[in-house]
């Protein structure tokens, strides 16, 4: 027995680019020190890139959320160390 598949919707690249820009702006505004050393962000950037290449909007959004969380967490770690 086969299951009906839902149609694949086209990947909205303009929306994806806007979401990525929003995530970068968020970090620039709230955690600018993290943008100088992006090694903590690279795995999340790669995950977002891979999701975008597959057209997987759910995975893309989760990768951007993880990107912002990782940046926020790293900024807090840096700030605690500076205090």
Protein backbone atom coordinates (compact mmCIF):
# COMPACT_ATOMS: atom_id res chain seq x y z
CA UNK A 1 0.00 0.00 0.00
CA UNK A 2 1.42 3.36 -0.97
CA UNK A 3 0.78 6.64 0.77
CA UNK A 4 -0.08 9.80 -1.06
CA UNK A 5 2.73 12.33 -0.92
CA UNK A 6 2.15 15.97 -0.28
CA UNK A 7 3.23 18.18 -3.16
CA UNK A 8 6.60 19.86 -2.71
CA UNK A 9 6.26 23.60 -2.58
CA UNK A 10 8.87 25.72 -4.32
CA UNK A 11 11.68 26.98 -2.09
CA UNK A 12 11.23 30.70 -1.45
CA UNK A 13 14.82 31.91 -1.76
CA UNK A 14 13.89 35.54 -1.09
CA UNK A 15 12.28 34.57 2.20
CA UNK A 16 15.24 32.35 3.10
CA UNK A 17 17.67 35.19 2.42
CA UNK A 18 15.58 37.57 4.51
CA UNK A 19 15.50 35.12 7.42
CA UNK A 20 19.29 34.68 7.25
CA UNK A 21 19.76 38.46 7.17
CA UNK A 22 17.45 38.80 10.18
CA UNK A 23 19.48 36.22 12.12
CA UNK A 24 22.73 38.01 11.29
CA UNK A 25 21.23 41.37 12.29
CA UNK A 26 20.06 39.85 15.57
CA UNK A 27 23.58 38.73 16.41
CA UNK A 28 25.09 42.00 15.22
CA UNK A 29 22.78 43.90 17.53
CA UNK A 30 22.80 41.57 20.55
CA UNK A 31 26.12 39.70 20.35
CA UNK A 32 28.54 41.62 18.14
CA UNK A 33 31.60 40.09 19.82
CA UNK A 34 30.62 36.69 18.44
CA UNK A 35 30.78 37.88 14.84
CA UNK A 36 34.53 38.47 15.20
CA UNK A 37 35.16 34.77 15.94
CA UNK A 38 32.61 32.73 14.03
CA UNK A 39 33.96 29.23 14.73
CA UNK A 40 31.06 28.59 17.12
CA UNK A 41 28.62 29.61 14.39
CA UNK A 42 30.11 27.62 11.50
CA UNK A 43 28.30 24.30 12.19
CA UNK A 44 24.97 26.12 12.26
CA UNK A 45 25.77 28.06 9.09
CA UNK A 46 26.63 24.77 7.40
CA UNK A 47 23.39 23.16 8.62
CA UNK A 48 21.39 26.12 7.29
CA UNK A 49 23.22 25.92 3.97
CA UNK A 50 22.57 22.19 3.65
CA UNK A 51 18.88 22.64 4.51
CA UNK A 52 18.60 25.45 1.97
CA UNK A 53 20.22 23.32 -0.73
CA UNK A 54 17.66 20.58 -0.01
CA UNK A 55 14.79 23.06 0.12
CA UNK A 56 13.94 21.91 3.66
CA UNK A 57 12.34 24.95 5.22
CA UNK A 58 11.77 23.32 8.62
CA UNK A 59 15.43 22.29 8.94
CA UNK A 60 16.51 25.70 7.65
CA UNK A 61 14.50 27.53 10.29
CA UNK A 62 15.80 25.25 13.03
CA UNK A 63 19.38 25.82 11.86
CA UNK A 64 18.88 29.60 11.98
CA UNK A 65 17.40 29.32 15.48
CA UNK A 66 20.37 27.21 16.57
CA UNK A 67 22.68 29.81 14.97
CA UNK A 68 21.14 32.59 17.03
CA UNK A 69 21.15 30.51 20.23
CA UNK A 70 24.79 29.53 19.76
CA UNK A 71 25.76 33.16 19.18
CA UNK A 72 23.83 34.33 22.21
CA UNK A 73 25.30 31.61 24.41
CA UNK A 74 28.84 32.34 23.23
CA UNK A 75 28.37 36.08 23.84
CA UNK A 76 27.21 35.37 27.39
CA UNK A 77 30.23 33.13 27.95
CA UNK A 78 32.55 35.86 26.65
CA UNK A 79 30.89 38.52 28.78
CA UNK A 80 31.10 36.39 31.93
CA UNK A 81 34.78 35.85 31.29
CA UNK A 82 35.37 39.58 30.88
CA UNK A 83 33.68 40.46 34.17
